[in-house]
Amino acid sequence: MIVDNRTGRYIQAVVDKIEEGRLTMRLPTRCPECDQLMSLGTESNHVVYRIGREGAMICIIGCEGYWCINPALVGVESENWQAPA
């Protein structure tokens, strides 16, 4: 997946907040677009982050390219963001 600068900042901000333990929301372990449970092998169509060595795989960007975590929660502005259905 090719990402622009803004999307790259979003991904890094999400990862930073997860690692800092500062995201208190329930993090998505399924893609909101295809409902696939994130696991090893799902990375090709999604942007995922694995919490620790044995932890859950979090969907950061879904298979259709939509951001799964509210960018305002990680300090990235996006006036067009809508929560996944």
Protein backbone atom coordinates (compact mmCIF):
# COMPACT_ATOMS: atom_id res chain seq x y z
CA MET A 1 0.00 0.00 0.00
CA ILE A 2 1.36 3.41 -0.97
CA VAL A 3 0.57 6.14 1.55
CA ASP A 4 0.80 9.91 1.41
CA ASN A 5 2.52 12.02 4.09
CA ARG A 6 -0.70 12.66 6.01
CA THR A 7 -1.57 8.96 6.12
CA GLY A 8 2.00 8.13 7.14
CA ARG A 9 1.74 10.61 10.03
CA TYR A 10 -1.58 9.03 11.01
CA ILE A 11 -0.12 5.50 11.05
CA GLN A 12 2.88 6.62 13.11
CA ALA A 13 0.66 8.56 15.54
CA VAL A 14 -1.59 5.52 16.07
CA VAL A 15 1.40 3.23 16.69
CA ASP A 16 2.95 5.77 19.09
CA LYS A 17 -0.28 6.09 21.10
CA ILE A 18 -0.73 2.32 21.26
CA GLU A 19 2.84 1.84 22.47
CA GLU A 20 2.42 4.61 25.04
CA GLY A 21 -0.82 3.01 26.27
CA ARG A 22 -2.69 6.25 25.56
CA LEU A 23 -5.51 4.90 23.41
CA THR A 24 -8.22 3.93 25.86
CA MET A 25 -10.79 3.00 23.24
CA ARG A 26 -11.45 -0.56 22.13
CA LEU A 27 -9.05 -1.06 19.24
CA PRO A 28 -10.40 -2.74 16.08
CA THR A 29 -9.20 -6.31 15.57
CA ARG A 30 -11.47 -6.69 12.53
CA CYS A 31 -11.49 -4.70 9.33
CA PRO A 32 -14.67 -2.58 9.38
CA GLU A 33 -14.89 -2.86 5.59
CA CYS A 34 -14.66 -6.64 5.06
CA ASP A 35 -15.13 -7.86 8.65
CA GLN A 36 -11.99 -10.02 8.42
CA LEU A 37 -10.29 -10.75 11.74
CA MET A 38 -6.75 -9.40 11.62
CA SER A 39 -4.12 -12.14 11.82
CA LEU A 40 -0.80 -13.03 10.25
CA GLY A 41 -1.35 -12.99 6.51
CA THR A 42 -3.96 -10.21 6.44
CA GLU A 43 -1.31 -7.50 6.14
CA SER A 44 -1.33 -7.48 2.33
CA ASN A 45 -4.70 -5.70 2.10
CA HIS A 46 -4.69 -3.86 5.43
CA VAL A 47 -2.36 -1.77 7.56
CA VAL A 48 -2.09 -3.65 10.84
CA TYR A 49 -0.14 -3.38 14.07
CA ARG A 50 0.62 -6.25 16.41
CA ILE A 51 0.66 -5.42 20.11
CA GLY A 52 3.69 -7.20 21.55
CA ARG A 53 4.94 -10.59 20.42
CA GLU A 54 1.75 -12.48 21.20
CA GLY A 55 -0.77 -9.66 21.24
CA ALA A 56 -3.74 -8.78 19.11
CA MET A 57 -3.41 -7.56 15.54
CA ILE A 58 -5.01 -4.11 15.28
CA CYS A 59 -6.49 -2.83 12.02
CA ILE A 60 -5.23 0.73 11.47
CA ILE A 61 -6.30 1.12 7.83
CA GLY A 62 -8.95 -1.12 6.28
CA CYS A 63 -8.78 -3.01 2.99
CA GLU A 64 -10.48 -0.16 1.12
CA GLY A 65 -8.08 2.44 2.52
CA TYR A 66 -10.26 3.97 5.23
CA TRP A 67 -8.78 4.95 8.58
CA CYS A 68 -10.17 2.73 11.36
CA ILE A 69 -9.20 4.80 14.42
CA ASN A 70 -10.40 8.37 14.90
CA PRO A 71 -7.46 10.58 13.85
CA ALA A 72 -8.46 13.24 16.40
CA LEU A 73 -7.62 10.73 19.16
CA VAL A 74 -4.01 10.63 17.97
CA GLY A 75 -3.59 14.31 17.11
CA VAL A 76 -4.05 14.16 13.34
CA GLU A 77 -6.58 16.49 11.74
CA SER A 78 -9.08 15.09 9.26
CA GLU A 79 -12.28 16.99 8.63
CA ASN A 80 -13.76 14.16 6.53
CA TRP A 81 -13.30 11.24 8.98
CA GLN A 82 -16.37 9.21 9.89
CA ALA A 83 -16.52 6.30 12.31
CA PRO A 84 -16.74 2.91 10.56
CA ALA A 85 -20.23 1.43 10.55
